[in-house]
Protein backbone atom coordinates (compact mmCIF):
# COMPACT_ATOMS: atom_id res chain seq x y z
CA MET A 1 10.84 3.93 -22.75
CA THR A 2 13.06 2.74 -20.03
CA GLU A 3 11.66 5.40 -17.80
CA ASP A 4 8.26 4.60 -18.84
CA ALA A 5 8.40 1.09 -17.62
CA ARG A 6 9.83 2.32 -14.29
CA ARG A 7 7.06 4.93 -13.95
CA ARG A 8 4.39 2.21 -14.57
CA LEU A 9 5.87 0.17 -11.59
CA LEU A 10 6.40 3.23 -9.29
CA GLU A 11 3.69 5.76 -10.22
CA GLY A 12 1.39 6.41 -7.15
CA LEU A 13 3.02 3.74 -5.32
CA VAL A 14 3.70 5.14 -1.85
CA ASP A 15 0.64 6.06 0.42
CA TYR A 16 2.00 8.36 2.83
CA ALA A 17 1.56 7.14 6.38
CA GLY A 18 3.45 9.63 8.53
CA LEU A 19 1.12 9.39 11.51
CA PHE A 20 1.99 5.83 12.12
CA PRO A 21 5.07 4.21 13.63
CA PRO A 22 8.04 4.34 13.58
CA ALA A 23 7.65 7.99 12.33
CA ALA A 24 4.57 8.76 14.51
CA LEU A 25 4.57 12.41 13.49
CA SER A 26 1.88 14.91 14.80
CA MET A 27 -1.00 15.60 12.45
CA ALA A 28 0.48 18.92 11.69
CA ASP A 29 3.77 17.74 10.65
CA ALA A 30 2.51 14.82 8.63
CA VAL A 31 0.28 17.09 6.86
CA ALA A 32 2.86 19.54 6.06
CA ARG A 33 5.22 17.00 4.74
CA TYR A 34 2.60 15.44 2.50
CA ASP A 35 1.80 18.90 1.19
CA GLU A 36 5.65 19.41 0.47
CA TYR A 37 5.80 15.98 -1.23
CA ARG A 38 2.92 16.72 -3.38
CA ARG A 39 4.70 19.77 -4.83
CA GLY A 40 8.14 17.92 -5.09
CA THR A 41 9.89 16.52 -8.05
CA HIS A 42 8.84 13.02 -7.25
CA ALA A 43 5.13 13.55 -6.49
CA TRP A 44 4.39 11.40 -9.27
CA ALA A 45 5.23 8.29 -7.06
CA LEU A 46 3.23 9.82 -4.08
CA GLY A 47 -0.03 8.07 -3.44
CA LYS A 48 -2.82 8.86 -0.72
CA PHE A 49 -2.54 10.48 2.66
CA VAL A 50 -3.24 7.73 5.24
CA VAL A 51 -5.47 8.89 8.25
CA PRO A 52 -7.47 6.89 10.67
CA VAL A 53 -11.28 7.70 10.84
CA ALA A 54 -10.91 8.59 14.63
CA ARG A 55 -8.62 11.53 13.63
CA LEU A 56 -10.60 13.07 10.78
CA ALA A 57 -11.73 16.07 12.70
CA GLU A 58 -7.95 16.66 13.60
CA PHE A 59 -6.87 16.16 10.02
CA GLU A 60 -9.49 18.56 8.81
CA SER A 61 -8.33 21.33 11.17
CA ALA A 62 -4.65 20.94 10.20
CA ALA A 63 -5.05 20.38 6.60
CA GLN A 64 -7.85 23.23 5.82
CA PRO A 65 -5.26 25.97 5.07
CA LEU A 66 -3.66 23.77 2.41
CA LEU A 67 -6.88 22.21 0.85
CA GLY A 68 -8.33 23.58 -2.39
CA GLY A 69 -5.03 25.04 -3.82
CA GLY A 70 -4.70 22.54 -6.66
CA GLU A 71 -5.77 18.99 -7.08
CA ALA A 72 -7.84 17.28 -4.52
CA TRP A 73 -6.01 15.42 -1.72
CA PRO A 74 -6.43 11.70 -2.12
CA LEU A 75 -7.24 9.93 1.17
CA ALA A 76 -6.97 6.42 2.53
CA LEU A 77 -9.02 6.10 5.65
CA ILE A 78 -8.16 3.48 8.25
CA ALA A 79 -11.54 2.40 9.86
CA GLY A 80 -11.92 1.22 13.52
CA ALA A 81 -12.82 -2.10 15.06
CA ASP A 82 -16.42 -0.91 14.74
CA PHE A 83 -16.66 -0.19 11.12
CA GLY A 84 -20.32 0.24 11.22
CA ALA A 85 -19.94 3.26 13.74
CA ASP A 86 -17.45 4.89 11.26
CA ILE A 87 -20.01 5.23 8.45
CA ARG A 88 -21.75 8.25 9.64
CA ALA A 89 -18.52 10.00 10.64
CA ILE A 90 -16.85 9.25 7.17
CA GLY A 91 -20.13 10.53 5.43
CA GLU A 92 -20.18 13.67 7.25
CA PHE A 93 -16.43 14.40 6.70
CA VAL A 94 -16.92 13.81 2.97
CA ARG A 95 -19.62 16.28 2.82
CA ARG A 96 -17.75 18.96 4.56
CA VAL A 97 -14.31 18.57 2.66
CA ALA A 98 -15.42 17.69 -1.11
CA PRO A 99 -14.24 18.32 -3.42
CA LYS A 100 -11.11 19.49 -2.03
CA ALA A 101 -10.26 16.00 -0.58
CA VAL A 102 -11.46 12.78 -1.78
CA VAL A 103 -11.69 9.20 -0.27
CA GLY A 104 -9.83 6.88 -2.60
CA ALA A 105 -9.56 3.97 -0.19
CA ILE A 106 -11.01 2.81 3.12
CA GLU A 107 -9.11 0.00 5.14
CA VAL A 108 -10.24 -2.20 7.87
CA LYS A 109 -9.30 -5.46 9.52
CA GLY A 110 -11.29 -8.81 8.91
CA SER A 111 -10.02 -12.12 10.09
CA THR A 112 -13.19 -14.28 9.32
CA ARG A 113 -15.70 -14.82 6.57
CA ASP A 114 -18.57 -13.54 8.59
CA ALA A 115 -16.67 -10.39 9.43
CA ILE A 116 -15.89 -9.82 5.76
CA GLY A 117 -19.45 -10.37 4.98
CA MET A 118 -20.39 -7.53 7.37
CA ILE A 119 -17.73 -5.34 6.07
CA ALA A 120 -19.22 -5.66 2.79
CA THR A 121 -22.68 -4.81 3.99
CA ASN A 122 -21.35 -1.63 5.82
CA ALA A 123 -19.29 -0.78 2.59
CA ALA A 124 -22.53 -0.91 0.64
CA LEU A 125 -24.34 1.47 3.02
CA LEU A 126 -21.24 3.81 2.88
CA ARG A 127 -21.49 4.00 -0.83
CA ALA A 128 -24.95 5.38 -0.63
CA HIS A 129 -23.61 8.31 1.26
CA VAL A 130 -19.92 8.80 -0.15
CA PRO A 131 -20.04 9.82 -3.75
CA ASP A 132 -16.29 9.13 -4.24
CA ALA A 133 -15.32 5.85 -5.94
CA PHE A 134 -13.32 4.37 -3.19
CA ASP A 135 -11.72 0.87 -2.86
CA LEU A 136 -12.26 -1.06 0.41
CA TYR A 137 -9.28 -3.07 1.60
CA VAL A 138 -9.70 -5.73 4.21
CA GLU A 139 -6.42 -6.56 6.26
CA VAL A 140 -6.34 -10.10 6.78
CA PRO A 141 -3.82 -12.28 8.72
CA ILE A 142 -1.46 -14.46 6.76
CA ALA A 143 0.20 -16.58 9.33
CA SER A 144 -2.20 -19.37 8.33
CA ASP A 145 -3.51 -19.85 4.59
CA PRO A 146 -5.53 -16.84 3.71
CA SER A 147 -7.16 -18.45 0.77
CA VAL A 148 -10.69 -18.84 2.44
CA LEU A 149 -10.59 -15.12 3.58
CA LEU A 150 -9.34 -13.91 0.10
CA GLU A 151 -12.11 -16.00 -1.65
CA ALA A 152 -14.80 -14.20 0.57
CA ILE A 153 -13.14 -10.90 -0.31
CA ALA A 154 -13.28 -11.73 -4.12
CA SER A 155 -17.05 -12.78 -3.62
CA HIS A 156 -17.80 -9.34 -2.35
CA GLY A 157 -15.62 -7.47 -4.85
CA LEU A 158 -13.46 -6.11 -2.01
CA CYS A 159 -9.65 -5.64 -1.95
CA ALA A 160 -7.17 -7.19 0.40
CA LYS A 161 -4.50 -5.58 2.71
CA VAL A 162 -1.33 -7.37 3.94
CA ARG A 163 0.91 -6.35 6.73
CA THR A 164 4.53 -6.77 5.65
CA GLY A 165 6.40 -5.63 8.80
CA GLY A 166 6.37 -3.55 11.76
CA VAL A 167 8.60 -2.06 14.57
CA GLU A 168 9.47 -5.44 15.90
CA ALA A 169 11.00 -8.45 14.09
CA GLY A 170 8.16 -10.67 14.89
CA ALA A 171 5.85 -8.43 13.03
CA PHE A 172 7.38 -9.48 9.66
CA PRO A 173 5.78 -12.52 7.85
CA THR A 174 7.93 -15.14 6.32
CA ALA A 175 8.82 -15.27 2.68
CA ASP A 176 6.58 -18.47 2.37
CA GLN A 177 3.66 -16.73 4.02
CA LEU A 178 3.98 -13.65 1.71
CA THR A 179 4.34 -15.97 -1.34
CA ARG A 180 1.41 -17.83 -0.50
CA PHE A 181 -0.74 -14.70 -0.07
CA LEU A 182 0.38 -13.37 -3.34
CA GLY A 183 -0.41 -16.74 -5.02
CA ALA A 184 -3.99 -16.74 -3.34
CA CYS A 185 -4.56 -13.19 -4.50
CA SER A 186 -3.62 -14.05 -8.11
CA ALA A 187 -5.83 -17.22 -7.93
CA HIS A 188 -8.85 -15.35 -6.62
CA GLY A 189 -8.52 -12.23 -8.57
CA VAL A 190 -8.13 -10.19 -5.66
CA THR A 191 -6.29 -6.74 -5.55
CA PHE A 192 -4.10 -5.89 -2.66
CA LYS A 193 -2.03 -3.10 -0.94
CA ALA A 194 0.55 -3.64 1.51
CA THR A 195 1.60 -1.85 4.66
CA ALA A 196 4.56 -1.43 7.17
CA GLY A 197 8.19 -2.54 6.94
CA LEU A 198 8.61 -1.59 3.30
CA HIS A 199 10.63 1.69 3.61
CA HIS A 200 13.53 0.37 1.58
CA ALA A 201 13.61 -0.60 -1.83
CA MET A 202 15.58 -4.02 -1.66
CA ARG A 203 15.45 -6.83 0.58
CA GLY A 204 18.00 -6.50 3.49
CA THR A 205 18.73 -5.82 7.21
CA TYR A 206 17.98 -2.52 8.57
CA PRO A 207 17.11 -0.79 11.70
CA LEU A 208 13.41 -1.23 12.64
CA THR A 209 12.81 2.11 14.09
CA TYR A 210 14.40 5.64 13.91
CA ASP A 211 15.90 5.21 17.29
CA SER A 212 19.71 5.22 17.40
CA ALA A 213 19.66 2.07 19.54
CA SER A 214 17.10 0.34 17.38
CA GLU A 215 17.06 -3.47 16.94
CA ARG A 216 17.85 -4.50 13.26
CA GLY A 217 15.87 -6.97 11.32
CA THR A 218 15.46 -8.40 7.85
CA MET A 219 12.88 -6.38 5.81
CA PHE A 220 11.18 -7.13 2.62
CA GLY A 221 12.06 -4.51 -0.22
CA PHE A 222 9.03 -2.76 -1.90
CA LEU A 223 10.65 -3.38 -5.28
CA ASN A 224 10.76 -7.40 -4.31
CA VAL A 225 7.16 -7.30 -3.15
CA PHE A 226 5.65 -5.40 -6.04
CA LEU A 227 7.83 -7.08 -8.80
CA ALA A 228 6.84 -10.36 -7.12
CA ALA A 229 3.10 -9.59 -7.59
CA VAL A 230 3.66 -8.50 -11.23
CA PHE A 231 5.74 -11.74 -11.97
CA THR A 232 3.10 -13.86 -9.99
CA SER A 233 0.21 -12.39 -11.88
CA ASP A 234 2.17 -13.38 -15.12
CA GLY A 235 2.46 -16.98 -14.11
CA LEU A 236 5.56 -17.15 -11.94
CA GLY A 237 5.71 -20.07 -9.58
CA PRO A 238 5.97 -20.17 -5.76
CA ALA A 239 9.47 -21.16 -5.58
CA ASP A 240 10.52 -18.41 -7.90
CA THR A 241 8.32 -16.05 -6.20
CA ARG A 242 9.82 -16.79 -2.95
CA ALA A 243 13.42 -16.28 -4.34
CA LEU A 244 12.24 -12.91 -5.88
CA LEU A 245 11.02 -11.79 -2.44
CA GLU A 246 14.33 -12.79 -0.87
CA GLU A 247 16.40 -11.15 -3.73
CA ARG A 248 19.02 -8.87 -2.41
CA ASP A 249 20.91 -8.03 -5.57
CA ALA A 250 19.46 -4.96 -7.11
CA SER A 251 21.40 -5.58 -10.36
CA SER A 252 19.28 -8.66 -10.95
CA PHE A 253 16.41 -6.39 -11.95
CA ALA A 254 16.90 -5.09 -15.29
CA PHE A 255 14.53 -2.31 -16.82
CA SER A 256 14.48 -1.94 -20.54
CA SER A 257 12.17 -0.39 -23.26
CA SER A 258 10.09 -3.56 -23.00
CA GLY A 259 9.56 -3.83 -19.33
CA VAL A 260 11.69 -5.50 -16.68
CA ALA A 261 13.56 -8.64 -16.40
CA TRP A 262 14.96 -10.70 -13.38
CA ARG A 263 17.14 -13.60 -13.72
CA GLY A 264 16.09 -14.77 -17.22
CA ARG A 265 12.51 -14.02 -16.78
CA ALA A 266 10.67 -10.80 -18.14
CA VAL A 267 7.36 -8.94 -17.92
CA THR A 268 6.31 -6.32 -20.26
CA ALA A 269 5.59 -2.91 -19.42
CA ALA A 270 1.88 -3.48 -20.30
CA SER A 271 1.96 -6.39 -17.73
CA ILE A 272 3.29 -3.98 -15.15
CA ARG A 273 0.50 -1.42 -15.90
CA SER A 274 -2.11 -3.98 -15.65
CA ALA A 275 -0.79 -5.59 -12.48
CA ARG A 276 -0.59 -2.15 -10.64
CA ALA A 277 -4.08 -1.46 -11.51
CA ARG A 278 -5.67 -4.87 -10.89
CA THR A 279 -3.37 -6.75 -8.60
CA ALA A 280 -1.01 -4.75 -6.40
CA THR A 281 -1.83 -0.98 -5.97
CA SER A 282 0.30 0.62 -3.37
CA PHE A 283 1.94 0.17 0.03
CA GLY A 284 1.72 2.33 3.20
CA SER A 285 4.90 3.97 4.44
CA CYS A 286 5.59 6.40 7.29
CA SER A 287 8.38 7.77 5.05
CA PHE A 288 8.34 8.98 1.56
CA VAL A 289 11.88 10.27 1.76
CA GLU A 290 13.52 6.80 2.26
CA PRO A 291 11.91 5.11 -0.55
CA VAL A 292 12.82 7.99 -2.89
CA ALA A 293 16.36 7.96 -1.60
CA ASP A 294 16.68 4.26 -2.09
CA LEU A 295 15.26 4.34 -5.66
CA SER A 296 17.65 7.44 -6.39
CA SER A 297 20.62 5.47 -5.18
CA LEU A 298 19.64 2.42 -7.31
CA GLY A 299 19.48 4.72 -10.36
CA LEU A 300 15.68 4.23 -10.70
CA LEU A 301 14.67 7.79 -10.47
């Protein structure tokens, strides 16, 4: 049962984005690694393969020998600045690769209500050409209050995406900004995913890139972020949410047969399952090995 609570939190959590910095692998290497992870011991924690729409032909060429040998590859497609122009490319790609690969998510940036409305219109057009039941995530800025944008996202039945870091210290939001984002998602009933800067399980100071002379910076832990989302959806207030996001002591998280506890508060395994499905779905990471290694070192795998 303890393992079940952990699995409900971690299953399918890591969308593999090996094409993106700081890993920035070649398409061939990223595809090969994803295929290896899909066949590995911890494949149950692996989510979608993340690929830009602009590189779909390159992906198709590299992955063709590996597709069709088992379950379909789930993909998360990153649309460009002109989402409307990507619709045809996505539709043609799906017709060529289905059912060997399926589009589970499409991600696009939107920083105004009007932009989100246009994204929703294009998404409706795309659904007429793509049979896959995909979620559409709109990446919104959170330096200022994102509530208006999240309200618009909710009104169109879309999902949100939040950037939680990068390869420079300035790319990381503050704990207050992320707390506000989580609260607004909860208030408006918006499902979200995260991306960047979440290689490690726990909040801490780490190298920002894989360069031996890399600058170090304080990163959010993916356990912090996703447990904060779970607890927030269960009624945790902003002050405590911020404290959870900044928690550095892994022993403060106690998994049990009934769920997980943190400093005198607890959520059930059923709440975790509901939050993963309706609140916080996954995070994009250019590494799958690092999250797995961190979880193993903490005794969570």
